[in-house]
Amino acid sequence: MSNPVYLALDLPRLDAAIALAQKVRGHIGGVKLGLEFFCAHGHHGVHEVAKLGLPVFLDLKLHDIPNTVAAAMQSIHVLEPAIVTIHAAGGRAMMEDAKAAAGEHCKVVAVTVLTSLDDDDLAGVGVPGGAHDQALRLADLAQEAGLDGIVCSGHEVGAIHKRWKNGFFVVPGLRPDTGHTADQKRIVTPAAARRDGASVLVIGRPISRAEDPVAAARAIEATL
């Protein structure tokens, strides 16, 4: 992949999302469409973004019983996504069925621990050992289930990469300046994540909310 940066286009207006992607398309490798975008714009919105000619990453984080997740995967075949996310916490059977139902050229990756959560948050929902240990456990399970890779923070990607040499690793929660965290808790810089083995770098607000999105995207690209 020549440019690992996927721009998170989670904007409420479709025209604004497309206009932003058009502006920065020369400095990104793809676009990430999450729940906010998909709930607002549905299949139509994905088709419109796909006209830009960039790979589309559907960050839907599917998590349900295996049959339901498999059916959901089949329903998005027509969108021809390059990447789709599911939750590793759904278990091995759910992950196996999701991968079996995915399109031939679609990478299925499992979310391990959201970058908005830290050790205290996990303890609050009964997960022992902290974010690092949980991410490694779920990464191992995703590999056993035959997935293409996982989603994790930059704090864990290096350790997971050592255990899963040919895995496909998506890293969100990235900030060029780690002093500005917003709602993220476990962040690193794009360059550090890439150095540790990230395949895809998901970047949203540092580009989309920048005074000059093109300059911001170009500056990030230059660090990689």
Protein backbone atom coordinates (compact mmCIF):
# COMPACT_ATOMS: atom_id res chain seq x y z
CA MET A 1 0.00 0.00 0.00
CA SER A 2 1.61 3.24 -1.16
CA ASN A 3 -0.30 5.50 1.23
CA PRO A 4 -1.69 3.87 4.40
CA VAL A 5 -3.78 6.90 5.47
CA TYR A 6 -7.54 6.35 5.38
CA LEU A 7 -9.53 9.51 6.02
CA ALA A 8 -12.47 9.08 8.40
CA LEU A 9 -15.38 10.75 6.58
CA ASP A 10 -17.83 10.72 9.45
CA LEU A 11 -19.61 13.92 8.49
CA PRO A 12 -23.38 14.52 8.73
CA ARG A 13 -23.67 16.03 5.23
CA LEU A 14 -22.87 13.87 2.22
CA ASP A 15 -21.87 16.78 0.00
CA ALA A 16 -19.42 18.04 2.62
CA ALA A 17 -17.91 14.56 3.03
CA ILE A 18 -17.39 14.15 -0.71
CA ALA A 19 -15.98 17.68 -1.07
CA LEU A 20 -13.45 17.01 1.70
CA ALA A 21 -12.36 13.71 0.18
CA GLN A 22 -11.96 15.35 -3.21
CA LYS A 23 -9.72 18.03 -1.70
CA VAL A 24 -7.31 15.63 -0.01
CA ARG A 25 -7.52 12.59 -2.30
CA GLY A 26 -3.97 13.08 -3.52
CA HIS A 27 -2.64 12.68 0.03
CA ILE A 28 -4.68 9.72 1.31
CA GLY A 29 -4.91 6.04 0.40
CA GLY A 30 -8.62 5.49 1.07
CA VAL A 31 -11.68 6.60 3.00
CA LYS A 32 -13.23 5.19 6.16
CA LEU A 33 -17.01 5.34 6.53
CA GLY A 34 -18.26 4.63 10.02
CA LEU A 35 -21.60 4.19 11.72
CA GLU A 36 -22.38 7.91 11.73
CA PHE A 37 -21.95 8.10 7.97
CA PHE A 38 -23.67 4.79 7.22
CA CYS A 39 -26.72 5.54 9.38
CA ALA A 40 -27.08 8.98 7.81
CA HIS A 41 -26.45 8.10 4.16
CA GLY A 42 -26.76 4.31 3.80
CA HIS A 43 -25.90 2.44 0.61
CA HIS A 44 -26.46 5.55 -1.50
CA GLY A 45 -23.80 7.47 0.41
CA VAL A 46 -21.27 4.67 0.07
CA HIS A 47 -21.90 4.46 -3.69
CA GLU A 48 -21.41 8.22 -4.04
CA VAL A 49 -18.11 8.15 -2.12
CA ALA A 50 -16.95 5.14 -4.14
CA LYS A 51 -17.17 7.28 -7.28
CA LEU A 52 -14.03 9.04 -6.07
CA GLY A 53 -12.11 5.90 -7.01
CA LEU A 54 -10.57 5.39 -3.56
CA PRO A 55 -10.79 2.15 -1.55
CA VAL A 56 -13.72 2.21 0.89
CA PHE A 57 -13.36 0.96 4.44
CA LEU A 58 -16.74 0.26 6.07
CA ASP A 59 -16.16 0.60 9.80
CA LEU A 60 -19.47 -0.91 10.93
CA LYS A 61 -18.13 -2.90 13.89
CA LEU A 62 -20.69 -5.67 13.44
CA HIS A 63 -21.41 -7.57 16.66
CA ASP A 64 -24.33 -9.97 16.97
CA ILE A 65 -25.09 -13.67 16.75
CA PRO A 66 -23.13 -15.42 13.96
CA ASN A 67 -26.09 -15.81 11.59
CA THR A 68 -27.06 -12.15 11.84
CA VAL A 69 -23.52 -10.90 11.25
CA ALA A 70 -23.11 -13.24 8.27
CA ALA A 71 -26.37 -11.93 6.78
CA ALA A 72 -25.23 -8.35 7.31
CA MET A 73 -21.96 -9.10 5.55
CA GLN A 74 -23.84 -10.56 2.60
CA SER A 75 -26.06 -7.47 2.41
CA ILE A 76 -23.07 -5.19 1.82
CA HIS A 77 -21.48 -7.25 -0.98
CA VAL A 78 -22.94 -4.83 -3.52
CA LEU A 79 -20.93 -1.99 -1.95
CA GLU A 80 -17.65 -3.80 -2.66
CA PRO A 81 -15.84 -2.55 0.45
CA ALA A 82 -12.10 -3.06 0.69
CA ILE A 83 -12.26 -3.51 4.48
CA VAL A 84 -15.08 -4.23 6.96
CA THR A 85 -14.87 -4.31 10.74
CA ILE A 86 -16.53 -6.69 13.17
CA HIS A 87 -16.05 -6.98 16.95
CA ALA A 88 -13.68 -9.71 18.12
CA ALA A 89 -15.72 -9.87 21.33
CA GLY A 90 -18.45 -11.55 19.30
CA GLY A 91 -16.45 -14.76 19.54
CA ARG A 92 -14.77 -17.20 17.21
CA ALA A 93 -17.92 -18.59 15.56
CA MET A 94 -19.17 -15.11 14.72
CA MET A 95 -15.81 -14.14 13.23
CA GLU A 96 -15.60 -17.33 11.18
CA ASP A 97 -19.08 -16.82 9.77
CA ALA A 98 -18.40 -13.17 9.00
CA LYS A 99 -15.27 -14.05 7.05
CA ALA A 100 -17.06 -16.84 5.18
CA ALA A 101 -19.84 -14.44 4.17
CA ALA A 102 -17.57 -11.58 3.08
CA GLY A 103 -16.81 -10.70 -0.51
CA GLU A 104 -13.80 -12.30 -2.16
CA HIS A 105 -11.73 -9.12 -2.15
CA CYS A 106 -12.89 -7.76 1.21
CA LYS A 107 -10.59 -7.82 4.22
CA VAL A 108 -12.45 -8.62 7.46
CA VAL A 109 -10.76 -7.19 10.53
CA ALA A 110 -11.80 -7.51 14.16
CA VAL A 111 -11.90 -4.65 16.63
CA THR A 112 -10.01 -5.59 19.79
CA VAL A 113 -10.20 -2.70 22.29
CA LEU A 114 -11.60 0.68 21.31
CA THR A 115 -9.07 3.49 21.56
CA SER A 116 -11.54 5.45 23.69
CA LEU A 117 -11.15 2.86 26.47
CA ASP A 118 -8.34 2.49 29.00
CA ASP A 119 -7.59 -0.04 31.74
CA ASP A 120 -10.06 1.53 34.18
CA ASP A 121 -12.86 1.39 31.61
CA LEU A 122 -12.20 -2.29 30.95
CA ALA A 123 -12.10 -3.08 34.66
CA GLY A 124 -15.49 -1.39 34.95
CA VAL A 125 -17.03 -3.88 32.53
CA GLY A 126 -15.30 -6.89 34.08
CA VAL A 127 -12.33 -7.34 31.73
CA PRO A 128 -9.17 -8.23 33.67
CA GLY A 129 -5.58 -7.50 32.75
CA GLY A 130 -5.96 -4.16 31.01
CA ALA A 131 -6.17 -3.02 27.40
CA HIS A 132 -2.84 -4.46 26.25
CA ASP A 133 -3.56 -8.00 27.44
CA GLN A 134 -7.12 -7.92 26.14
CA ALA A 135 -6.02 -6.71 22.71
CA LEU A 136 -3.50 -9.54 22.44
CA ARG A 137 -6.06 -12.14 23.54
CA LEU A 138 -8.59 -11.00 20.98
CA ALA A 139 -5.95 -10.70 18.24
CA ASP A 140 -4.98 -14.32 18.83
CA LEU A 141 -8.64 -15.33 18.61
CA ALA A 142 -9.13 -13.38 15.38
CA GLN A 143 -6.11 -15.08 13.85
CA GLU A 144 -7.44 -18.50 14.87
CA ALA A 145 -10.80 -17.60 13.29
CA GLY A 146 -9.13 -16.95 9.94
CA LEU A 147 -9.64 -13.20 9.75
CA ASP A 148 -7.36 -10.94 7.74
CA GLY A 149 -6.37 -8.83 10.71
CA ILE A 150 -7.49 -6.66 13.60
CA VAL A 151 -8.07 -3.10 14.75
CA CYS A 152 -6.00 -1.99 17.72
CA SER A 153 -4.34 1.09 19.13
CA GLY A 154 -0.80 2.04 18.33
CA HIS A 155 0.14 0.94 21.84
CA GLU A 156 -0.53 -2.71 21.00
CA VAL A 157 0.21 -3.00 17.28
CA GLY A 158 3.92 -3.69 17.72
CA ALA A 159 3.38 -6.60 20.10
CA ILE A 160 0.59 -8.06 17.95
CA HIS A 161 2.66 -7.72 14.79
CA LYS A 162 5.38 -9.86 16.38
CA ARG A 163 2.82 -12.63 16.99
CA TRP A 164 1.01 -12.31 13.65
CA LYS A 165 3.64 -11.57 11.02
CA ASN A 166 1.32 -11.45 7.99
CA GLY A 167 -1.65 -9.82 9.72
CA PHE A 168 -3.43 -6.72 8.43
CA PHE A 169 -3.45 -4.10 11.17
CA VAL A 170 -5.75 -1.07 11.28
CA VAL A 171 -4.78 1.60 13.80
CA PRO A 172 -7.17 4.45 14.72
CA GLY A 173 -6.82 7.02 17.49
CA LEU A 174 -3.87 8.72 15.81
CA ARG A 175 -2.77 12.27 16.42
CA PRO A 176 0.16 14.10 14.78
CA ASP A 177 0.47 15.97 18.09
CA THR A 178 -0.30 13.56 20.94
CA GLY A 179 -1.17 16.47 23.21
CA HIS A 180 -4.63 16.85 21.59
CA THR A 181 -6.55 13.70 22.48
CA ALA A 182 -10.26 14.71 22.36
CA ASP A 183 -12.22 11.52 23.26
CA GLN A 184 -9.30 9.18 22.61
CA LYS A 185 -7.27 7.75 25.48
CA ARG A 186 -4.66 5.45 23.90
CA ILE A 187 -3.06 7.41 21.08
CA VAL A 188 0.23 7.54 19.19
CA THR A 189 1.49 9.46 16.17
CA PRO A 190 0.85 8.12 12.65
CA ALA A 191 4.60 7.66 12.09
CA ALA A 192 5.00 5.61 15.29
CA ALA A 193 2.06 3.34 14.40
CA ARG A 194 3.37 2.77 10.89
CA ARG A 195 6.84 1.99 12.21
CA ASP A 196 5.40 -0.62 14.58
CA GLY A 197 3.57 -2.48 11.81
CA ALA A 198 0.27 -0.68 11.08
CA SER A 199 -1.14 -1.47 7.63
CA VAL A 200 -3.82 1.23 7.68
CA LEU A 201 -3.77 4.51 9.60
CA VAL A 202 -7.26 5.88 10.30
CA ILE A 203 -7.17 9.66 10.68
CA GLY A 204 -10.20 11.89 11.02
CA ARG A 205 -10.31 15.13 12.95
CA PRO A 206 -6.63 16.10 12.51
CA ILE A 207 -7.48 16.41 8.80
CA SER A 208 -11.24 16.99 8.63
CA ARG A 209 -11.26 19.74 11.26
CA ALA A 210 -7.99 21.36 10.26
CA GLU A 211 -8.05 24.95 9.04
CA ASP A 212 -6.39 23.68 5.86
CA PRO A 213 -7.23 19.97 5.39
CA VAL A 214 -4.95 19.61 2.36
CA ALA A 215 -1.96 21.00 4.25
CA ALA A 216 -2.76 18.79 7.24
CA ALA A 217 -3.02 15.66 5.09
CA ARG A 218 0.17 16.54 3.24
CA ALA A 219 2.03 17.10 6.52
CA ILE A 220 0.95 13.70 7.87
CA GLU A 221 1.89 11.99 4.61
CA ALA A 222 5.35 13.56 4.80
CA THR A 223 6.04 11.90 8.17
CA LEU A 224 5.45 8.37 6.88
